[in-house]
Amino acid sequence: MVSPLEKARKDPESVKAKILMAARRIFGVYGFHGTTTRMVAQELGVDVSTMHYHWGDKRDLYEAVVLDINQDLGQNLIDVEKMIHGLPLPDRLAIAIDYMTDYLFAHPEISNLIIFRYFGKTREEAGIDFKVPEFTYDMARSMGFAKGKKKVSSHILLMVLAVMNAMHCFVSGEDFFRPIVALSREEYIAEAKKTLKFIHIPAFTQSFVQTDK
């Protein structure tokens, strides 16, 4: 049986898909507890009954948003791995940072929702979660920090998390940070990528040399 999420992803112009995209944006601004199905319905100019017909209750809709984001992130990580395969480590890191930072700035609700999940004092009651652990392992392996099924060290996993968390903070904190540095959005994104590479490429390169000895 085809799930509602599969139907929405197959037909981006459908009402079901438009509700999903609106829900991603609104959950990304207000979080699970600050969002109501009425807010999503008003965004699209549809009845709440239409929302329930396509997605069920708020928790069902939130779970669909999390699953949709997990699928998008997973596919983007696959795309990155194809681009960087076989390249020297500094090039792999530079390409991955550029690609993923651009992607997250284009979809800021992802960073917002993940940060909500990290730091929210009141946990949402969804039955699924963001695949942060799995994605962290996948990124470490794609960077070449584990050959085959060799276990990735805690040190490397924390370094990968440091890169991703820095990206999320630059994205989610744009409205706060950008006036401080007095940059246009395009300039801010470019400087964010430059800063991420300035900090993390030397750190990863040095760490890889140490762990590879």
N, C-alpha and C. Protein backbone atom coordinates (compact mmCIF):
# COMPACT_ATOMS: atom_id res chain seq x y z
N MET A 1 0.84 -1.20 0.00
CA MET A 1 0.00 0.00 0.00
C MET A 1 0.88 1.26 0.00
N VAL A 2 0.57 2.20 -0.86
CA VAL A 2 1.36 3.43 -0.98
C VAL A 2 1.02 4.35 0.19
N SER A 3 2.04 4.84 0.85
CA SER A 3 1.83 5.72 2.00
C SER A 3 1.48 7.13 1.54
N PRO A 4 0.86 7.94 2.41
CA PRO A 4 0.59 9.34 2.05
C PRO A 4 1.86 10.10 1.67
N LEU A 5 2.97 9.81 2.35
CA LEU A 5 4.22 10.50 2.02
C LEU A 5 4.70 10.12 0.63
N GLU A 6 4.61 8.84 0.28
CA GLU A 6 5.01 8.42 -1.06
C GLU A 6 4.15 9.09 -2.12
N LYS A 7 2.85 9.21 -1.86
CA LYS A 7 1.96 9.89 -2.81
C LYS A 7 2.35 11.36 -2.97
N ALA A 8 2.66 12.01 -1.85
CA ALA A 8 3.03 13.42 -1.90
C ALA A 8 4.33 13.62 -2.66
N ARG A 9 5.29 12.75 -2.44
CA ARG A 9 6.59 12.90 -3.11
C ARG A 9 6.48 12.61 -4.60
N LYS A 10 5.56 11.74 -4.98
CA LYS A 10 5.39 11.42 -6.39
C LYS A 10 4.66 12.52 -7.15
N ASP A 11 3.86 13.32 -6.45
CA ASP A 11 3.09 14.37 -7.11
C ASP A 11 3.25 15.68 -6.34
N PRO A 12 4.35 16.42 -6.60
CA PRO A 12 4.64 17.64 -5.85
C PRO A 12 3.60 18.75 -6.00
N GLU A 13 2.75 18.66 -7.03
CA GLU A 13 1.74 19.70 -7.24
C GLU A 13 0.41 19.35 -6.58
N SER A 14 0.31 18.20 -5.97
CA SER A 14 -0.94 17.79 -5.33
C SER A 14 -1.19 18.57 -4.05
N VAL A 15 -2.44 18.59 -3.61
CA VAL A 15 -2.79 19.24 -2.34
C VAL A 15 -2.03 18.59 -1.20
N LYS A 16 -1.91 17.29 -1.25
CA LYS A 16 -1.19 16.55 -0.20
C LYS A 16 0.25 17.03 -0.09
N ALA A 17 0.91 17.19 -1.23
CA ALA A 17 2.31 17.63 -1.23
C ALA A 17 2.43 19.08 -0.77
N LYS A 18 1.50 19.93 -1.18
CA LYS A 18 1.54 21.33 -0.78
C LYS A 18 1.34 21.48 0.73
N ILE A 19 0.47 20.66 1.29
CA ILE A 19 0.29 20.66 2.76
C ILE A 19 1.58 20.24 3.44
N LEU A 20 2.23 19.23 2.92
CA LEU A 20 3.48 18.75 3.51
C LEU A 20 4.54 19.84 3.49
N MET A 21 4.69 20.54 2.36
CA MET A 21 5.70 21.60 2.27
C MET A 21 5.39 22.75 3.22
N ALA A 22 4.11 23.11 3.32
CA ALA A 22 3.72 24.17 4.26
C ALA A 22 4.00 23.73 5.69
N ALA A 23 3.72 22.48 5.99
CA ALA A 23 3.96 21.97 7.34
C ALA A 23 5.44 21.98 7.67
N ARG A 24 6.29 21.65 6.71
CA ARG A 24 7.74 21.73 6.94
C ARG A 24 8.15 23.14 7.34
N ARG A 25 7.64 24.13 6.60
CA ARG A 25 8.00 25.51 6.90
C ARG A 25 7.51 25.95 8.28
N ILE A 26 6.26 25.64 8.58
CA ILE A 26 5.66 26.14 9.83
C ILE A 26 6.20 25.39 11.04
N PHE A 27 6.36 24.07 10.96
CA PHE A 27 7.01 23.35 12.05
C PHE A 27 8.43 23.88 12.25
N GLY A 28 9.08 24.25 11.14
CA GLY A 28 10.45 24.77 11.23
C GLY A 28 10.53 26.11 11.93
N VAL A 29 9.46 26.88 11.91
CA VAL A 29 9.45 28.18 12.59
C VAL A 29 8.99 28.05 14.04
N TYR A 30 7.94 27.27 14.27
CA TYR A 30 7.30 27.23 15.59
C TYR A 30 7.54 25.94 16.38
N GLY A 31 8.14 24.94 15.74
CA GLY A 31 8.33 23.67 16.42
C GLY A 31 7.05 22.87 16.50
N PHE A 32 7.15 21.68 17.07
CA PHE A 32 5.98 20.79 17.15
C PHE A 32 4.88 21.41 18.02
N HIS A 33 5.25 21.87 19.21
CA HIS A 33 4.25 22.33 20.16
C HIS A 33 3.70 23.71 19.82
N GLY A 34 4.45 24.49 19.07
CA GLY A 34 3.97 25.82 18.69
C GLY A 34 3.15 25.84 17.42
N THR A 35 3.04 24.71 16.76
CA THR A 35 2.32 24.62 15.48
C THR A 35 0.97 23.95 15.69
N THR A 36 -0.04 24.44 14.99
CA THR A 36 -1.34 23.78 14.96
C THR A 36 -1.69 23.45 13.52
N THR A 37 -2.56 22.47 13.36
CA THR A 37 -3.00 22.15 12.00
C THR A 37 -3.75 23.32 11.38
N ARG A 38 -4.40 24.13 12.21
CA ARG A 38 -5.11 25.31 11.69
C ARG A 38 -4.13 26.30 11.06
N MET A 39 -2.94 26.45 11.67
CA MET A 39 -1.92 27.35 11.11
C MET A 39 -1.50 26.89 9.73
N VAL A 40 -1.31 25.58 9.56
CA VAL A 40 -0.92 25.04 8.26
C VAL A 40 -2.05 25.22 7.26
N ALA A 41 -3.27 24.96 7.70
CA ALA A 41 -4.43 25.11 6.81
C ALA A 41 -4.57 26.56 6.35
N GLN A 42 -4.40 27.51 7.27
CA GLN A 42 -4.51 28.92 6.91
C GLN A 42 -3.42 29.34 5.93
N GLU A 43 -2.24 28.78 6.08
CA GLU A 43 -1.13 29.08 5.15
C GLU A 43 -1.51 28.75 3.72
N LEU A 44 -2.28 27.67 3.55
CA LEU A 44 -2.65 27.22 2.20
C LEU A 44 -4.05 27.64 1.79
N GLY A 45 -4.84 28.18 2.74
CA GLY A 45 -6.21 28.56 2.42
C GLY A 45 -7.13 27.38 2.25
N VAL A 46 -6.90 26.31 3.05
CA VAL A 46 -7.77 25.13 2.99
C VAL A 46 -8.40 24.93 4.36
N ASP A 47 -9.41 24.09 4.40
CA ASP A 47 -10.08 23.77 5.66
C ASP A 47 -9.24 22.80 6.49
N VAL A 48 -9.43 22.87 7.79
CA VAL A 48 -8.74 21.92 8.68
C VAL A 48 -9.17 20.49 8.34
N SER A 49 -10.42 20.33 7.93
CA SER A 49 -10.90 18.99 7.57
C SER A 49 -10.11 18.43 6.39
N THR A 50 -9.69 19.30 5.48
CA THR A 50 -8.85 18.87 4.35
C THR A 50 -7.50 18.38 4.85
N MET A 51 -6.97 19.10 5.84
CA MET A 51 -5.71 18.67 6.46
C MET A 51 -5.83 17.27 7.03
N HIS A 52 -6.90 17.04 7.79
CA HIS A 52 -7.07 15.74 8.43
C HIS A 52 -7.32 14.63 7.40
N TYR A 53 -8.00 14.98 6.32
CA TYR A 53 -8.25 13.99 5.27
C TYR A 53 -6.94 13.50 4.66
N HIS A 54 -6.02 14.43 4.41
CA HIS A 54 -4.77 14.07 3.74
C HIS A 54 -3.71 13.52 4.69
N TRP A 55 -3.67 13.99 5.94
CA TRP A 55 -2.54 13.66 6.81
C TRP A 55 -2.91 13.19 8.21
N GLY A 56 -4.18 13.19 8.57
CA GLY A 56 -4.54 12.77 9.92
C GLY A 56 -4.32 13.91 10.91
N ASP A 57 -3.91 13.58 12.14
CA ASP A 57 -3.75 14.62 13.16
C ASP A 57 -2.36 15.26 13.08
N LYS A 58 -2.07 16.17 14.01
CA LYS A 58 -0.81 16.92 13.97
C LYS A 58 0.39 16.00 14.10
N ARG A 59 0.31 15.01 14.96
CA ARG A 59 1.45 14.11 15.13
C ARG A 59 1.73 13.34 13.84
N ASP A 60 0.67 12.89 13.16
CA ASP A 60 0.84 12.19 11.88
C ASP A 60 1.55 13.09 10.86
N LEU A 61 1.13 14.36 10.83
CA LEU A 61 1.73 15.30 9.88
C LEU A 61 3.19 15.57 10.24
N TYR A 62 3.47 15.72 11.53
CA TYR A 62 4.85 15.96 11.96
C TYR A 62 5.73 14.76 11.62
N GLU A 63 5.23 13.56 11.84
CA GLU A 63 6.01 12.37 11.52
C GLU A 63 6.29 12.29 10.02
N ALA A 64 5.32 12.71 9.20
CA ALA A 64 5.54 12.73 7.75
C ALA A 64 6.62 13.74 7.40
N VAL A 65 6.64 14.88 8.07
CA VAL A 65 7.67 15.89 7.85
C VAL A 65 9.04 15.34 8.20
N VAL A 66 9.15 14.66 9.35
CA VAL A 66 10.45 14.09 9.76
C VAL A 66 10.91 13.03 8.76
N LEU A 67 10.00 12.16 8.34
CA LEU A 67 10.35 11.14 7.35
C LEU A 67 10.78 11.77 6.03
N ASP A 68 10.07 12.81 5.61
CA ASP A 68 10.40 13.49 4.36
C ASP A 68 11.79 14.11 4.44
N ILE A 69 12.10 14.76 5.56
CA ILE A 69 13.42 15.35 5.75
C ILE A 69 14.50 14.28 5.79
N ASN A 70 14.23 13.18 6.50
CA ASN A 70 15.21 12.09 6.54
C ASN A 70 15.52 11.56 5.15
N GLN A 71 14.49 11.41 4.33
CA GLN A 71 14.71 10.92 2.97
C GLN A 71 15.52 11.93 2.15
N ASP A 72 15.18 13.21 2.29
CA ASP A 72 15.91 14.24 1.55
C ASP A 72 17.37 14.30 1.97
N LEU A 73 17.62 14.29 3.28
CA LEU A 73 18.99 14.33 3.77
C LEU A 73 19.77 13.10 3.32
N GLY A 74 19.14 11.94 3.41
CA GLY A 74 19.81 10.72 2.99
C GLY A 74 20.19 10.75 1.52
N GLN A 75 19.28 11.25 0.67
CA GLN A 75 19.58 11.32 -0.76
C GLN A 75 20.68 12.33 -1.03
N ASN A 76 20.68 13.46 -0.33
CA ASN A 76 21.72 14.46 -0.53
C ASN A 76 23.08 13.94 -0.09
N LEU A 77 23.12 13.16 0.97
CA LEU A 77 24.39 12.58 1.40
C LEU A 77 24.91 11.57 0.38
N ILE A 78 24.01 10.82 -0.23
CA ILE A 78 24.39 9.89 -1.31
C ILE A 78 24.97 10.68 -2.48
N ASP A 79 24.31 11.79 -2.84
CA ASP A 79 24.78 12.62 -3.95
C ASP A 79 26.18 13.18 -3.66
N VAL A 80 26.38 13.64 -2.42
CA VAL A 80 27.68 14.18 -2.03
C VAL A 80 28.74 13.11 -2.12
N GLU A 81 28.43 11.91 -1.62
CA GLU A 81 29.42 10.83 -1.61
C GLU A 81 29.86 10.49 -3.03
N LYS A 82 28.94 10.54 -3.99
CA LYS A 82 29.29 10.29 -5.38
C LYS A 82 30.24 11.36 -5.91
N MET A 83 30.01 12.60 -5.51
CA MET A 83 30.84 13.70 -6.01
C MET A 83 32.25 13.66 -5.45
N ILE A 84 32.40 13.23 -4.20
CA ILE A 84 33.70 13.34 -3.53
C ILE A 84 34.50 12.06 -3.56
N HIS A 85 33.91 10.98 -4.06
CA HIS A 85 34.58 9.68 -4.03
C HIS A 85 35.94 9.74 -4.72
N GLY A 86 36.97 9.30 -4.01
CA GLY A 86 38.31 9.20 -4.59
C GLY A 86 39.13 10.46 -4.57
N LEU A 87 38.55 11.57 -4.12
CA LEU A 87 39.29 12.83 -4.09
C LEU A 87 40.13 12.94 -2.82
N PRO A 88 41.14 13.79 -2.81
CA PRO A 88 41.91 14.03 -1.58
C PRO A 88 40.99 14.58 -0.49
N LEU A 89 41.34 14.30 0.77
CA LEU A 89 40.49 14.66 1.90
C LEU A 89 40.11 16.15 1.92
N PRO A 90 41.06 17.09 1.75
CA PRO A 90 40.65 18.51 1.77
C PRO A 90 39.60 18.83 0.71
N ASP A 91 39.73 18.23 -0.48
CA ASP A 91 38.74 18.47 -1.53
C ASP A 91 37.39 17.86 -1.17
N ARG A 92 37.43 16.66 -0.59
CA ARG A 92 36.17 16.03 -0.15
C ARG A 92 35.43 16.91 0.83
N LEU A 93 36.17 17.43 1.81
CA LEU A 93 35.55 18.28 2.82
C LEU A 93 35.03 19.57 2.23
N ALA A 94 35.80 20.21 1.38
CA ALA A 94 35.39 21.49 0.79
C ALA A 94 34.11 21.32 -0.03
N ILE A 95 34.06 20.27 -0.86
CA ILE A 95 32.88 20.03 -1.69
C ILE A 95 31.67 19.71 -0.82
N ALA A 96 31.86 18.85 0.19
CA ALA A 96 30.76 18.45 1.07
C ALA A 96 30.21 19.66 1.82
N ILE A 97 31.11 20.51 2.33
CA ILE A 97 30.66 21.70 3.07
C ILE A 97 29.90 22.64 2.15
N ASP A 98 30.43 22.90 0.95
CA ASP A 98 29.73 23.78 0.00
C ASP A 98 28.35 23.25 -0.33
N TYR A 99 28.28 21.97 -0.68
CA TYR A 99 27.02 21.38 -1.14
C TYR A 99 25.98 21.35 -0.02
N MET A 100 26.37 20.84 1.15
CA MET A 100 25.40 20.69 2.24
C MET A 100 24.99 22.04 2.82
N THR A 101 25.91 23.00 2.86
CA THR A 101 25.55 24.32 3.37
C THR A 101 24.54 24.99 2.44
N ASP A 102 24.78 24.92 1.13
CA ASP A 102 23.82 25.47 0.17
C ASP A 102 22.45 24.80 0.32
N TYR A 103 22.48 23.48 0.47
CA TYR A 103 21.22 22.74 0.60
C TYR A 103 20.46 23.17 1.84
N LEU A 104 21.14 23.29 2.97
CA LEU A 104 20.47 23.65 4.22
C LEU A 104 19.96 25.09 4.19
N PHE A 105 20.71 26.00 3.58
CA PHE A 105 20.22 27.37 3.46
C PHE A 105 18.98 27.44 2.56
N ALA A 106 18.89 26.56 1.59
CA ALA A 106 17.71 26.51 0.73
C ALA A 106 16.51 25.89 1.44
N HIS A 107 16.78 25.12 2.50
CA HIS A 107 15.72 24.44 3.26
C HIS A 107 15.96 24.66 4.75
N PRO A 108 15.84 25.89 5.24
CA PRO A 108 16.20 26.20 6.63
C PRO A 108 15.37 25.47 7.67
N GLU A 109 14.18 25.00 7.27
CA GLU A 109 13.35 24.27 8.25
C GLU A 109 14.05 23.02 8.76
N ILE A 110 14.96 22.46 7.95
CA ILE A 110 15.67 21.25 8.39
C ILE A 110 16.55 21.58 9.59
N SER A 111 17.37 22.60 9.47
CA SER A 111 18.23 22.99 10.59
C SER A 111 17.41 23.43 11.79
N ASN A 112 16.33 24.18 11.54
CA ASN A 112 15.49 24.64 12.64
C ASN A 112 14.89 23.47 13.41
N LEU A 113 14.37 22.50 12.68
CA LEU A 113 13.72 21.36 13.34
C LEU A 113 14.72 20.49 14.09
N ILE A 114 15.91 20.30 13.52
CA ILE A 114 16.92 19.51 14.21
C ILE A 114 17.38 20.22 15.48
N ILE A 115 17.53 21.54 15.42
CA ILE A 115 17.92 22.28 16.62
C ILE A 115 16.80 22.26 17.65
N PHE A 116 15.54 22.39 17.21
CA PHE A 116 14.42 22.21 18.13
C PHE A 116 14.53 20.87 18.84
N ARG A 117 14.88 19.84 18.08
CA ARG A 117 14.95 18.49 18.65
C ARG A 117 16.09 18.38 19.65
N TYR A 118 17.23 19.02 19.34
CA TYR A 118 18.37 18.97 20.25
C TYR A 118 18.07 19.62 21.59
N PHE A 119 17.50 20.84 21.52
CA PHE A 119 17.49 21.69 22.70
C PHE A 119 16.11 21.93 23.30
N GLY A 120 15.07 21.41 22.68
CA GLY A 120 13.73 21.61 23.22
C GLY A 120 13.57 20.94 24.57
N LYS A 121 13.04 21.70 25.52
CA LYS A 121 12.82 21.16 26.86
C LYS A 121 11.62 20.22 26.89
N THR A 122 10.64 20.49 26.01
CA THR A 122 9.45 19.65 25.94
C THR A 122 9.53 18.82 24.68
N ARG A 123 9.62 17.53 24.83
CA ARG A 123 9.78 16.65 23.67
C ARG A 123 8.45 16.43 22.96
N GLU A 124 8.50 16.45 21.63
CA GLU A 124 7.32 16.13 20.86
C GLU A 124 6.99 14.65 21.04
N GLU A 125 5.77 14.30 20.74
CA GLU A 125 5.33 12.94 20.99
C GLU A 125 5.33 12.10 19.72
N ALA A 126 6.14 12.48 18.76
CA ALA A 126 6.21 11.71 17.52
C ALA A 126 6.90 10.37 17.76
N GLY A 127 6.51 9.40 16.97
CA GLY A 127 7.07 8.06 17.16
C GLY A 127 8.35 7.82 16.40
N ILE A 128 8.80 8.79 15.60
CA ILE A 128 10.04 8.65 14.84
C ILE A 128 10.92 9.86 15.11
N ASP A 129 12.18 9.76 14.69
CA ASP A 129 13.11 10.84 14.98
C ASP A 129 14.00 11.08 13.76
N PHE A 130 14.74 12.18 13.80
CA PHE A 130 15.71 12.47 12.75
C PHE A 130 16.87 11.48 12.84
N LYS A 131 17.38 11.06 11.69
CA LYS A 131 18.41 10.02 11.65
C LYS A 131 19.81 10.61 11.83
N VAL A 132 19.97 11.44 12.85
CA VAL A 132 21.26 12.08 13.07
C VAL A 132 22.37 11.05 13.32
N PRO A 133 22.16 10.03 14.17
CA PRO A 133 23.25 9.05 14.37
C PRO A 133 23.66 8.34 13.08
N GLU A 134 22.66 7.88 12.30
CA GLU A 134 22.97 7.17 11.07
C GLU A 134 23.69 8.07 10.08
N PHE A 135 23.22 9.31 9.94
CA PHE A 135 23.84 10.23 9.00
C PHE A 135 25.27 10.58 9.44
N THR A 136 25.49 10.65 10.74
CA THR A 136 26.83 10.97 11.24
C THR A 136 27.81 9.87 10.87
N TYR A 137 27.42 8.61 11.07
CA TYR A 137 28.27 7.48 10.66
C TYR A 137 28.50 7.49 9.16
N ASP A 138 27.43 7.74 8.39
CA ASP A 138 27.56 7.73 6.93
C ASP A 138 28.53 8.81 6.46
N MET A 139 28.46 9.99 7.06
CA MET A 139 29.35 11.07 6.66
C MET A 139 30.80 10.76 7.02
N ALA A 140 31.00 10.18 8.20
CA ALA A 140 32.36 9.81 8.60
C ALA A 140 32.95 8.78 7.64
N ARG A 141 32.15 7.83 7.22
CA ARG A 141 32.64 6.80 6.30
C ARG A 141 32.90 7.40 4.92
N SER A 142 32.01 8.29 4.46
CA SER A 142 32.21 8.89 3.14
C SER A 142 33.45 9.77 3.09
N MET A 143 33.84 10.30 4.24
CA MET A 143 35.07 11.10 4.33
C MET A 143 36.32 10.22 4.36
N GLY A 144 36.12 8.91 4.50
CA GLY A 144 37.24 7.99 4.50
C GLY A 144 37.83 7.72 5.87
N PHE A 145 37.07 8.02 6.94
CA PHE A 145 37.58 7.80 8.29
C PHE A 145 37.32 6.40 8.80
N ALA A 146 36.70 5.58 8.00
CA ALA A 146 36.51 4.17 8.35
C ALA A 146 36.53 3.38 7.06
N LYS A 147 37.38 2.38 7.01
CA LYS A 147 37.48 1.54 5.82
C LYS A 147 36.67 0.27 6.05
N GLY A 148 35.77 -0.02 5.11
CA GLY A 148 34.93 -1.20 5.25
C GLY A 148 34.00 -1.06 6.43
N LYS A 149 34.00 -2.10 7.29
CA LYS A 149 33.11 -2.09 8.45
C LYS A 149 33.83 -1.67 9.72
N LYS A 150 35.02 -1.10 9.56
CA LYS A 150 35.76 -0.64 10.73
C LYS A 150 34.95 0.41 11.48
N LYS A 151 34.95 0.31 12.81
CA LYS A 151 34.18 1.23 13.64
C LYS A 151 34.77 2.63 13.57
N VAL A 152 33.89 3.64 13.49
CA VAL A 152 34.31 5.02 13.51
C VAL A 152 34.52 5.45 14.95
N SER A 153 35.64 6.10 15.23
CA SER A 153 35.95 6.49 16.61
C SER A 153 35.00 7.59 17.09
N SER A 154 34.84 7.66 18.41
CA SER A 154 34.02 8.72 19.00
C SER A 154 34.57 10.10 18.64
N HIS A 155 35.89 10.21 18.58
CA HIS A 155 36.54 11.48 18.25
C HIS A 155 36.10 11.96 16.86
N ILE A 156 36.12 11.07 15.88
CA ILE A 156 35.73 11.44 14.52
C ILE A 156 34.24 11.75 14.46
N LEU A 157 33.42 10.96 15.14
CA LEU A 157 31.98 11.23 15.13
C LEU A 157 31.67 12.60 15.71
N LEU A 158 32.35 12.96 16.78
CA LEU A 158 32.14 14.29 17.37
C LEU A 158 32.60 15.40 16.42
N MET A 159 33.67 15.15 15.68
CA MET A 159 34.12 16.16 14.71
C MET A 159 33.11 16.33 13.59
N VAL A 160 32.52 15.22 13.13
CA VAL A 160 31.48 15.31 12.10
C VAL A 160 30.27 16.07 12.66
N LEU A 161 29.89 15.76 13.88
CA LEU A 161 28.78 16.48 14.51
C LEU A 161 29.11 17.96 14.65
N ALA A 162 30.37 18.28 14.93
CA ALA A 162 30.77 19.70 15.05
C ALA A 162 30.55 20.44 13.73
N VAL A 163 30.89 19.80 12.61
CA VAL A 163 30.67 20.43 11.30
C VAL A 163 29.18 20.64 11.05
N MET A 164 28.39 19.58 11.27
CA MET A 164 26.97 19.67 10.99
C MET A 164 26.28 20.66 11.92
N ASN A 165 26.66 20.65 13.20
CA ASN A 165 26.05 21.60 14.13
C ASN A 165 26.41 23.03 13.78
N ALA A 166 27.64 23.25 13.32
CA ALA A 166 28.04 24.60 12.89
C ALA A 166 27.20 25.04 11.69
N MET A 167 26.99 24.13 10.74
CA MET A 167 26.12 24.46 9.61
C MET A 167 24.73 24.83 10.08
N HIS A 168 24.15 23.98 10.96
CA HIS A 168 22.79 24.23 11.44
C HIS A 168 22.70 25.58 12.15
N CYS A 169 23.72 25.91 12.93
CA CYS A 169 23.70 27.19 13.65
C CYS A 169 23.78 28.38 12.70
N PHE A 170 24.64 28.31 11.69
CA PHE A 170 24.70 29.39 10.70
C PHE A 170 23.37 29.56 9.99
N VAL A 171 22.72 28.44 9.66
CA VAL A 171 21.45 28.48 8.93
C VAL A 171 20.33 28.98 9.85
N SER A 172 20.16 28.30 10.97
CA SER A 172 19.05 28.63 11.87
C SER A 172 19.21 30.01 12.49
N GLY A 173 20.46 30.44 12.69
CA GLY A 173 20.71 31.73 13.31
C GLY A 173 20.89 32.88 12.34
N GLU A 174 20.56 32.66 11.07
CA GLU A 174 20.82 33.70 10.06
C GLU A 174 20.20 35.04 10.43
N ASP A 175 18.94 35.06 10.84
CA ASP A 175 18.28 36.33 11.13
C ASP A 175 18.94 37.07 12.29
N PHE A 176 19.58 36.34 13.18
CA PHE A 176 20.27 36.96 14.31
C PHE A 176 21.69 37.36 13.95
N PHE A 177 22.40 36.44 13.24
CA PHE A 177 23.82 36.67 12.96
C PHE A 177 24.07 37.66 11.84
N ARG A 178 23.23 37.63 10.81
CA ARG A 178 23.52 38.42 9.61
C ARG A 178 23.56 39.92 9.88
N PRO A 179 22.63 40.48 10.69
CA PRO A 179 22.76 41.91 11.00
C PRO A 179 24.04 42.25 11.77
N ILE A 180 24.53 41.29 12.57
CA ILE A 180 25.75 41.55 13.33
C ILE A 180 26.94 41.76 12.40
N VAL A 181 27.02 40.94 11.35
CA VAL A 181 28.17 41.02 10.44
C VAL A 181 27.89 41.92 9.23
N ALA A 182 26.66 42.44 9.17
CA ALA A 182 26.29 43.42 8.13
C ALA A 182 26.58 42.92 6.72
N LEU A 183 26.02 41.75 6.38
CA LEU A 183 26.22 41.17 5.06
C LEU A 183 24.87 40.91 4.39
N SER A 184 24.86 40.93 3.07
CA SER A 184 23.68 40.48 2.34
C SER A 184 23.57 38.97 2.53
N ARG A 185 22.43 38.43 2.14
CA ARG A 185 22.25 36.98 2.33
C ARG A 185 23.28 36.19 1.53
N GLU A 186 23.52 36.59 0.30
CA GLU A 186 24.50 35.89 -0.54
C GLU A 186 25.89 35.96 0.09
N GLU A 187 26.26 37.14 0.59
CA GLU A 187 27.56 37.30 1.23
C GLU A 187 27.66 36.47 2.50
N TYR A 188 26.57 36.45 3.25
CA TYR A 188 26.56 35.69 4.51
C TYR A 188 26.76 34.20 4.25
N ILE A 189 26.06 33.66 3.27
CA ILE A 189 26.20 32.23 2.94
C ILE A 189 27.63 31.94 2.49
N ALA A 190 28.18 32.80 1.63
CA ALA A 190 29.55 32.59 1.16
C ALA A 190 30.55 32.63 2.32
N GLU A 191 30.37 33.58 3.23
CA GLU A 191 31.29 33.69 4.36
C GLU A 191 31.10 32.53 5.34
N ALA A 192 29.88 32.05 5.49
CA ALA A 192 29.63 30.89 6.35
C ALA A 192 30.38 29.67 5.83
N LYS A 193 30.32 29.45 4.52
CA LYS A 193 31.03 28.32 3.93
C LYS A 193 32.54 28.49 4.08
N LYS A 194 33.02 29.70 3.84
CA LYS A 194 34.45 29.97 3.98
C LYS A 194 34.91 29.71 5.42
N THR A 195 34.12 30.14 6.38
CA THR A 195 34.47 29.95 7.79
C THR A 195 34.46 28.48 8.18
N LEU A 196 33.45 27.76 7.72
CA LEU A 196 33.38 26.32 8.00
C LEU A 196 34.61 25.60 7.47
N LYS A 197 35.01 25.94 6.26
CA LYS A 197 36.20 25.30 5.68
C LYS A 197 37.48 25.72 6.40
N PHE A 198 37.57 26.99 6.77
CA PHE A 198 38.75 27.50 7.47
C PHE A 198 38.96 26.77 8.80
N ILE A 199 37.88 26.49 9.50
CA ILE A 199 37.98 25.84 10.82
C ILE A 199 38.15 24.33 10.69
N HIS A 200 37.34 23.71 9.85
CA HIS A 200 37.21 22.25 9.91
C HIS A 200 38.16 21.48 9.00
N ILE A 201 38.53 22.03 7.85
CA ILE A 201 39.42 21.27 6.96
C ILE A 201 40.77 21.01 7.62
N PRO A 202 41.45 22.01 8.19
CA PRO A 202 42.72 21.72 8.88
C PRO A 202 42.54 20.76 10.06
N ALA A 203 41.44 20.93 10.80
CA ALA A 203 41.21 20.06 11.95
C ALA A 203 41.03 18.61 11.53
N PHE A 204 40.23 18.38 10.49
CA PHE A 204 40.01 17.02 10.01
C PHE A 204 41.28 16.43 9.42
N THR A 205 41.99 17.23 8.65
CA THR A 205 43.21 16.74 8.02
C THR A 205 44.22 16.30 9.07
N GLN A 206 44.42 17.11 10.10
CA GLN A 206 45.34 16.78 11.18
C GLN A 206 44.88 15.55 11.94
N SER A 207 43.59 15.47 12.21
CA SER A 207 43.04 14.33 12.95
C SER A 207 43.19 13.05 12.16
N PHE A 208 42.99 13.14 10.83
CA PHE A 208 43.11 11.95 10.00
C PHE A 208 44.55 11.45 9.99
N VAL A 209 45.50 12.38 9.94
CA VAL A 209 46.92 12.00 9.99
C VAL A 209 47.24 11.27 11.29
N GLN A 210 46.68 11.78 12.39
CA GLN A 210 46.95 11.18 13.71
C GLN A 210 46.32 9.80 13.83
N THR A 211 45.05 9.65 13.38
CA THR A 211 44.36 8.38 13.55
C THR A 211 44.82 7.35 12.54
N ASP A 212 45.46 7.79 11.46
CA ASP A 212 45.89 6.86 10.42
C ASP A 212 47.26 6.29 10.69
N LYS A 213 47.94 6.79 11.75
CA LYS A 213 49.30 6.31 12.04
C LYS A 213 49.22 4.93 12.70
